[in-house]
Amino acid sequence: MNQNRSNNQQPGNRSSSRLKGWAAFLFCLSLLWGFTFYFGPWLRDSIPAAVEMTEIARERDIDTTAFFYAETKESYEGERYLREALDLAKPKGYGANGFFFLGIVLCILILAVGFHFMPNETIPEPDKND
């Protein structure tokens, strides 16, 4: 046990652990930078609902960061408008409705019928004499 303490307190190990700490810090900083300037905008542009919300905000010249924590009339109106615009853009039959559950029941029935009529023959094992 004393030998481990003495090994950890050597000057070479301290500089190595400090170097690893700085390397990890710079790596995390570069990941954060990459997410902020590359992955985040790519993700925003690949989600149709987010694209529509950003287009509406740009068209109406809305500063979305100003309304994030504000409890003003404009922020509630903006939120309501965006929610209604997205609700109108949904296709008919969207979500967990009767047709969704009917589709699940039909899939289970098809699987049950297929399992019932599946041949139940066992394959004979080959003779060991051959």
N, C-alpha and C. Protein backbone atom coordinates (compact mmCIF):
# COMPACT_ATOMS: atom_id res chain seq x y z
N MET A 1 0.82 -1.19 0.00
CA MET A 1 0.00 0.00 0.00
C MET A 1 0.87 1.25 0.00
N ASN A 2 1.92 1.25 0.79
CA ASN A 2 2.81 2.40 0.83
C ASN A 2 3.53 2.59 -0.49
N GLN A 3 3.77 1.48 -1.16
CA GLN A 3 4.45 1.58 -2.45
C GLN A 3 3.55 2.29 -3.46
N ASN A 4 2.24 2.03 -3.44
CA ASN A 4 1.31 2.71 -4.35
C ASN A 4 1.27 4.21 -4.08
N ARG A 5 1.29 4.59 -2.82
CA ARG A 5 1.29 6.02 -2.50
C ARG A 5 2.55 6.70 -3.01
N SER A 6 3.65 6.04 -2.85
CA SER A 6 4.90 6.65 -3.29
C SER A 6 4.96 6.73 -4.80
N ASN A 7 4.37 5.75 -5.51
CA ASN A 7 4.36 5.80 -6.97
C ASN A 7 3.47 6.93 -7.47
N ASN A 8 2.33 7.17 -6.80
CA ASN A 8 1.42 8.23 -7.23
C ASN A 8 1.98 9.61 -6.94
N GLN A 9 2.90 9.71 -6.01
CA GLN A 9 3.43 11.02 -5.65
C GLN A 9 4.70 11.38 -6.41
N GLN A 10 5.12 10.54 -7.31
CA GLN A 10 6.32 10.85 -8.08
C GLN A 10 6.01 11.98 -9.06
N PRO A 11 6.99 12.82 -9.36
CA PRO A 11 6.77 13.97 -10.25
C PRO A 11 6.31 13.57 -11.65
N GLY A 12 6.77 12.46 -12.17
CA GLY A 12 6.37 12.03 -13.51
C GLY A 12 4.90 11.68 -13.59
N ASN A 13 4.38 11.07 -12.54
CA ASN A 13 2.96 10.70 -12.54
C ASN A 13 2.06 11.92 -12.41
N ARG A 14 2.49 12.92 -11.65
CA ARG A 14 1.68 14.13 -11.52
C ARG A 14 1.57 14.86 -12.84
N SER A 15 2.65 14.96 -13.56
CA SER A 15 2.59 15.66 -14.85
C SER A 15 1.80 14.85 -15.87
N SER A 16 1.88 13.53 -15.78
CA SER A 16 1.11 12.69 -16.69
C SER A 16 -0.39 12.82 -16.42
N SER A 17 -0.78 12.81 -15.15
CA SER A 17 -2.20 12.95 -14.85
C SER A 17 -2.70 14.36 -15.18
N ARG A 18 -1.85 15.35 -15.00
CA ARG A 18 -2.23 16.72 -15.37
C ARG A 18 -2.40 16.83 -16.88
N LEU A 19 -1.51 16.18 -17.62
CA LEU A 19 -1.61 16.19 -19.08
C LEU A 19 -2.88 15.48 -19.53
N LYS A 20 -3.21 14.35 -18.90
CA LYS A 20 -4.45 13.64 -19.23
C LYS A 20 -5.67 14.49 -18.90
N GLY A 21 -5.62 15.22 -17.80
CA GLY A 21 -6.73 16.09 -17.43
C GLY A 21 -6.94 17.19 -18.45
N TRP A 22 -5.85 17.82 -18.88
CA TRP A 22 -5.97 18.88 -19.89
C TRP A 22 -6.44 18.31 -21.23
N ALA A 23 -5.95 17.12 -21.57
CA ALA A 23 -6.38 16.50 -22.83
C ALA A 23 -7.88 16.20 -22.79
N ALA A 24 -8.36 15.68 -21.67
CA ALA A 24 -9.79 15.41 -21.53
C ALA A 24 -10.60 16.70 -21.60
N PHE A 25 -10.11 17.76 -20.95
CA PHE A 25 -10.80 19.05 -20.98
C PHE A 25 -10.88 19.60 -22.40
N LEU A 26 -9.78 19.55 -23.13
CA LEU A 26 -9.77 20.05 -24.51
C LEU A 26 -10.65 19.20 -25.42
N PHE A 27 -10.66 17.91 -25.18
CA PHE A 27 -11.51 17.02 -25.97
C PHE A 27 -12.98 17.36 -25.74
N CYS A 28 -13.37 17.53 -24.49
CA CYS A 28 -14.77 17.88 -24.18
C CYS A 28 -15.12 19.26 -24.74
N LEU A 29 -14.19 20.18 -24.67
CA LEU A 29 -14.42 21.51 -25.22
C LEU A 29 -14.61 21.45 -26.74
N SER A 30 -13.81 20.62 -27.42
CA SER A 30 -13.97 20.49 -28.87
C SER A 30 -15.27 19.79 -29.22
N LEU A 31 -15.72 18.82 -28.41
CA LEU A 31 -17.02 18.20 -28.64
C LEU A 31 -18.14 19.21 -28.49
N LEU A 32 -18.06 20.03 -27.48
CA LEU A 32 -19.08 21.06 -27.26
C LEU A 32 -19.09 22.05 -28.42
N TRP A 33 -17.92 22.46 -28.87
CA TRP A 33 -17.83 23.38 -30.01
C TRP A 33 -18.42 22.74 -31.27
N GLY A 34 -18.09 21.47 -31.52
CA GLY A 34 -18.60 20.78 -32.70
C GLY A 34 -20.11 20.62 -32.66
N PHE A 35 -20.65 20.32 -31.48
CA PHE A 35 -22.10 20.19 -31.36
C PHE A 35 -22.77 21.53 -31.59
N THR A 36 -22.19 22.59 -31.03
CA THR A 36 -22.81 23.90 -31.14
C THR A 36 -22.82 24.41 -32.57
N PHE A 37 -21.74 24.24 -33.31
CA PHE A 37 -21.63 24.87 -34.62
C PHE A 37 -21.89 23.93 -35.80
N TYR A 38 -21.86 22.61 -35.58
CA TYR A 38 -22.06 21.69 -36.69
C TYR A 38 -23.24 20.73 -36.47
N PHE A 39 -23.19 19.95 -35.39
CA PHE A 39 -24.20 18.94 -35.18
C PHE A 39 -25.56 19.55 -34.82
N GLY A 40 -25.57 20.56 -33.99
CA GLY A 40 -26.82 21.21 -33.60
C GLY A 40 -27.58 21.80 -34.78
N PRO A 41 -26.93 22.62 -35.62
CA PRO A 41 -27.64 23.15 -36.80
C PRO A 41 -28.06 22.06 -37.78
N TRP A 42 -27.23 21.03 -37.94
CA TRP A 42 -27.62 19.93 -38.83
C TRP A 42 -28.86 19.22 -38.29
N LEU A 43 -28.89 19.00 -36.98
CA LEU A 43 -30.04 18.35 -36.36
C LEU A 43 -31.28 19.22 -36.49
N ARG A 44 -31.13 20.52 -36.29
CA ARG A 44 -32.26 21.45 -36.42
C ARG A 44 -32.81 21.42 -37.84
N ASP A 45 -31.94 21.37 -38.84
CA ASP A 45 -32.39 21.39 -40.22
C ASP A 45 -32.94 20.05 -40.69
N SER A 46 -32.67 18.98 -39.97
CA SER A 46 -33.15 17.67 -40.40
C SER A 46 -34.48 17.30 -39.76
N ILE A 47 -34.98 18.08 -38.81
CA ILE A 47 -36.28 17.82 -38.19
C ILE A 47 -37.29 18.76 -38.81
N PRO A 48 -38.30 18.23 -39.51
CA PRO A 48 -39.25 19.10 -40.22
C PRO A 48 -39.98 20.08 -39.31
N ALA A 49 -40.37 19.67 -38.12
CA ALA A 49 -41.09 20.58 -37.21
C ALA A 49 -40.19 21.73 -36.78
N ALA A 50 -38.92 21.45 -36.53
CA ALA A 50 -37.99 22.50 -36.13
C ALA A 50 -37.74 23.47 -37.28
N VAL A 51 -37.68 22.94 -38.50
CA VAL A 51 -37.48 23.80 -39.67
C VAL A 51 -38.67 24.75 -39.81
N GLU A 52 -39.88 24.22 -39.63
CA GLU A 52 -41.07 25.05 -39.76
C GLU A 52 -41.11 26.12 -38.67
N MET A 53 -40.75 25.76 -37.45
CA MET A 53 -40.76 26.74 -36.37
C MET A 53 -39.73 27.84 -36.60
N THR A 54 -38.54 27.48 -37.08
CA THR A 54 -37.53 28.51 -37.33
C THR A 54 -37.94 29.41 -38.50
N GLU A 55 -38.61 28.85 -39.51
CA GLU A 55 -39.07 29.67 -40.63
C GLU A 55 -40.14 30.66 -40.17
N ILE A 56 -41.05 30.21 -39.33
CA ILE A 56 -42.10 31.10 -38.82
C ILE A 56 -41.49 32.19 -37.97
N ALA A 57 -40.53 31.83 -37.13
CA ALA A 57 -39.88 32.82 -36.28
C ALA A 57 -39.11 33.84 -37.12
N ARG A 58 -38.47 33.40 -38.21
CA ARG A 58 -37.75 34.34 -39.07
C ARG A 58 -38.70 35.24 -39.84
N GLU A 59 -39.81 34.67 -40.35
CA GLU A 59 -40.78 35.46 -41.10
C GLU A 59 -41.38 36.57 -40.26
N ARG A 60 -41.68 36.27 -39.02
CA ARG A 60 -42.32 37.25 -38.13
C ARG A 60 -41.32 38.05 -37.31
N ASP A 61 -40.04 37.83 -37.57
CA ASP A 61 -38.96 38.55 -36.87
C ASP A 61 -39.11 38.42 -35.34
N ILE A 62 -39.24 37.17 -34.90
CA ILE A 62 -39.40 36.87 -33.48
C ILE A 62 -38.05 36.47 -32.91
N ASP A 63 -37.67 37.12 -31.82
CA ASP A 63 -36.46 36.74 -31.11
C ASP A 63 -36.85 35.65 -30.12
N THR A 64 -36.63 34.40 -30.50
CA THR A 64 -37.13 33.28 -29.70
C THR A 64 -36.43 33.18 -28.35
N THR A 65 -35.21 33.64 -28.24
CA THR A 65 -34.52 33.55 -26.95
C THR A 65 -35.07 34.57 -25.96
N ALA A 66 -35.64 35.64 -26.45
CA ALA A 66 -36.19 36.65 -25.54
C ALA A 66 -37.47 36.18 -24.87
N PHE A 67 -38.20 35.29 -25.53
CA PHE A 67 -39.48 34.84 -24.98
C PHE A 67 -39.36 33.55 -24.18
N PHE A 68 -38.20 33.00 -24.07
CA PHE A 68 -38.07 31.69 -23.44
C PHE A 68 -38.52 31.71 -21.98
N TYR A 69 -38.07 32.66 -21.22
CA TYR A 69 -38.43 32.75 -19.81
C TYR A 69 -39.45 33.85 -19.52
N ALA A 70 -39.92 34.51 -20.54
CA ALA A 70 -40.83 35.62 -20.32
C ALA A 70 -42.26 35.12 -20.20
N GLU A 71 -42.98 35.66 -19.27
CA GLU A 71 -44.40 35.35 -19.14
C GLU A 71 -45.19 36.56 -19.62
N THR A 72 -45.08 36.81 -20.89
CA THR A 72 -45.79 37.94 -21.48
C THR A 72 -46.89 37.44 -22.40
N LYS A 73 -47.77 38.34 -22.77
CA LYS A 73 -48.87 38.00 -23.66
C LYS A 73 -48.35 37.53 -25.01
N GLU A 74 -47.28 38.17 -25.49
CA GLU A 74 -46.73 37.81 -26.79
C GLU A 74 -46.16 36.41 -26.81
N SER A 75 -45.53 36.02 -25.69
CA SER A 75 -44.95 34.67 -25.67
C SER A 75 -46.04 33.61 -25.69
N TYR A 76 -47.13 33.83 -25.00
CA TYR A 76 -48.24 32.87 -25.02
C TYR A 76 -48.90 32.83 -26.40
N GLU A 77 -49.05 33.99 -27.03
CA GLU A 77 -49.63 34.01 -28.37
C GLU A 77 -48.73 33.31 -29.38
N GLY A 78 -47.44 33.54 -29.25
CA GLY A 78 -46.49 32.88 -30.15
C GLY A 78 -46.49 31.37 -29.97
N GLU A 79 -46.54 30.93 -28.71
CA GLU A 79 -46.58 29.50 -28.45
C GLU A 79 -47.87 28.89 -29.01
N ARG A 80 -48.99 29.54 -28.80
CA ARG A 80 -50.26 29.03 -29.30
C ARG A 80 -50.26 28.96 -30.83
N TYR A 81 -49.71 30.00 -31.47
CA TYR A 81 -49.66 30.01 -32.93
C TYR A 81 -48.80 28.86 -33.45
N LEU A 82 -47.64 28.66 -32.83
CA LEU A 82 -46.76 27.58 -33.28
C LEU A 82 -47.40 26.21 -33.06
N ARG A 83 -48.04 26.02 -31.92
CA ARG A 83 -48.71 24.74 -31.65
C ARG A 83 -49.84 24.49 -32.65
N GLU A 84 -50.63 25.51 -32.94
CA GLU A 84 -51.71 25.34 -33.90
C GLU A 84 -51.18 25.08 -35.31
N ALA A 85 -50.10 25.75 -35.68
CA ALA A 85 -49.51 25.53 -37.00
C ALA A 85 -49.00 24.11 -37.13
N LEU A 86 -48.39 23.59 -36.07
CA LEU A 86 -47.90 22.22 -36.12
C LEU A 86 -49.05 21.21 -36.08
N ASP A 87 -50.10 21.50 -35.34
CA ASP A 87 -51.26 20.60 -35.31
C ASP A 87 -51.94 20.53 -36.67
N LEU A 88 -52.01 21.65 -37.38
CA LEU A 88 -52.63 21.65 -38.70
C LEU A 88 -51.77 20.92 -39.73
N ALA A 89 -50.47 20.86 -39.49
CA ALA A 89 -49.57 20.20 -40.44
C ALA A 89 -49.57 18.68 -40.28
N LYS A 90 -50.16 18.17 -39.21
CA LYS A 90 -50.19 16.72 -38.99
C LYS A 90 -51.09 16.06 -40.03
N PRO A 91 -50.66 14.92 -40.56
CA PRO A 91 -51.52 14.21 -41.51
C PRO A 91 -52.74 13.60 -40.81
N LYS A 92 -53.77 13.32 -41.59
CA LYS A 92 -54.98 12.73 -41.02
C LYS A 92 -54.65 11.32 -40.52
N GLY A 93 -55.18 10.98 -39.37
CA GLY A 93 -54.91 9.67 -38.79
C GLY A 93 -53.59 9.61 -38.06
N TYR A 94 -53.09 10.76 -37.64
CA TYR A 94 -51.80 10.84 -36.97
C TYR A 94 -51.97 10.48 -35.50
N GLY A 95 -51.03 9.73 -34.97
CA GLY A 95 -51.02 9.45 -33.53
C GLY A 95 -51.68 8.15 -33.16
N ALA A 96 -51.85 7.95 -31.86
CA ALA A 96 -52.43 6.72 -31.33
C ALA A 96 -53.95 6.85 -31.32
N ASN A 97 -54.56 6.50 -32.44
CA ASN A 97 -56.01 6.54 -32.54
C ASN A 97 -56.53 5.13 -32.83
N GLY A 98 -57.78 5.02 -33.20
CA GLY A 98 -58.38 3.71 -33.45
C GLY A 98 -57.70 2.94 -34.57
N PHE A 99 -57.32 3.64 -35.63
CA PHE A 99 -56.67 2.96 -36.75
C PHE A 99 -55.30 2.41 -36.36
N PHE A 100 -54.60 3.11 -35.49
CA PHE A 100 -53.29 2.64 -35.02
C PHE A 100 -53.46 1.32 -34.26
N PHE A 101 -54.41 1.30 -33.33
CA PHE A 101 -54.63 0.09 -32.55
C PHE A 101 -55.22 -1.03 -33.39
N LEU A 102 -56.05 -0.70 -34.38
CA LEU A 102 -56.58 -1.70 -35.30
C LEU A 102 -55.44 -2.34 -36.09
N GLY A 103 -54.47 -1.55 -36.50
CA GLY A 103 -53.31 -2.09 -37.21
C GLY A 103 -52.51 -3.05 -36.34
N ILE A 104 -52.35 -2.72 -35.07
CA ILE A 104 -51.63 -3.62 -34.16
C ILE A 104 -52.38 -4.93 -33.99
N VAL A 105 -53.72 -4.84 -33.81
CA VAL A 105 -54.54 -6.05 -33.64
C VAL A 105 -54.48 -6.91 -34.90
N LEU A 106 -54.55 -6.29 -36.08
CA LEU A 106 -54.48 -7.05 -37.32
C LEU A 106 -53.13 -7.74 -37.48
N CYS A 107 -52.06 -7.08 -37.10
CA CYS A 107 -50.74 -7.70 -37.17
C CYS A 107 -50.66 -8.92 -36.25
N ILE A 108 -51.20 -8.80 -35.06
CA ILE A 108 -51.18 -9.93 -34.13
C ILE A 108 -52.03 -11.07 -34.66
N LEU A 109 -53.20 -10.76 -35.25
CA LEU A 109 -54.03 -11.81 -35.84
C LEU A 109 -53.34 -12.51 -37.00
N ILE A 110 -52.67 -11.77 -37.85
CA ILE A 110 -51.95 -12.37 -38.97
C ILE A 110 -50.86 -13.29 -38.44
N LEU A 111 -50.14 -12.86 -37.42
CA LEU A 111 -49.11 -13.71 -36.84
C LEU A 111 -49.70 -14.96 -36.21
N ALA A 112 -50.85 -14.83 -35.53
CA ALA A 112 -51.49 -15.98 -34.89
C ALA A 112 -51.96 -16.98 -35.93
N VAL A 113 -52.59 -16.51 -37.02
CA VAL A 113 -53.04 -17.41 -38.09
C VAL A 113 -51.85 -18.10 -38.74
N GLY A 114 -50.82 -17.34 -39.01
CA GLY A 114 -49.62 -17.93 -39.61
C GLY A 114 -48.98 -18.96 -38.70
N PHE A 115 -48.96 -18.70 -37.41
CA PHE A 115 -48.37 -19.65 -36.46
C PHE A 115 -49.23 -20.90 -36.35
N HIS A 116 -50.56 -20.73 -36.44
CA HIS A 116 -51.46 -21.88 -36.32
C HIS A 116 -51.33 -22.81 -37.53
N PHE A 117 -51.22 -22.25 -38.73
CA PHE A 117 -51.15 -23.06 -39.93
C PHE A 117 -49.72 -23.40 -40.36
N MET A 118 -48.74 -23.01 -39.59
CA MET A 118 -47.35 -23.33 -39.91
C MET A 118 -47.15 -24.83 -39.74
N PRO A 119 -46.45 -25.47 -40.66
CA PRO A 119 -46.23 -26.92 -40.53
C PRO A 119 -45.48 -27.23 -39.23
N ASN A 120 -45.91 -28.28 -38.57
CA ASN A 120 -45.32 -28.64 -37.29
C ASN A 120 -44.64 -30.00 -37.40
N GLU A 121 -43.93 -30.18 -38.46
CA GLU A 121 -43.24 -31.44 -38.66
C GLU A 121 -41.82 -31.32 -38.13
N THR A 122 -41.38 -32.38 -37.54
CA THR A 122 -39.98 -32.39 -37.08
C THR A 122 -39.13 -33.00 -38.17
N ILE A 123 -37.96 -32.52 -38.28
CA ILE A 123 -37.02 -33.02 -39.28
C ILE A 123 -36.32 -34.24 -38.68
N PRO A 124 -36.38 -35.38 -39.38
CA PRO A 124 -35.71 -36.55 -38.83
C PRO A 124 -34.20 -36.35 -38.82
N GLU A 125 -33.58 -36.85 -37.79
CA GLU A 125 -32.11 -36.72 -37.70
C GLU A 125 -31.48 -37.74 -38.63
N PRO A 126 -30.37 -37.38 -39.24
CA PRO A 126 -29.71 -38.33 -40.14
C PRO A 126 -29.16 -39.53 -39.36
N ASP A 127 -29.13 -40.64 -40.04
CA ASP A 127 -28.58 -41.85 -39.43
C ASP A 127 -27.10 -41.67 -39.17
N LYS A 128 -26.67 -42.17 -38.04
CA LYS A 128 -25.25 -42.05 -37.70
C LYS A 128 -24.43 -43.13 -38.40
N ASN A 129 -25.11 -44.08 -38.98
CA ASN A 129 -24.39 -45.16 -39.68
C ASN A 129 -23.89 -44.71 -41.04
N ASP A 130 -24.49 -43.67 -41.62
CA ASP A 130 -24.10 -43.21 -42.98
C ASP A 130 -22.80 -42.52 -43.00
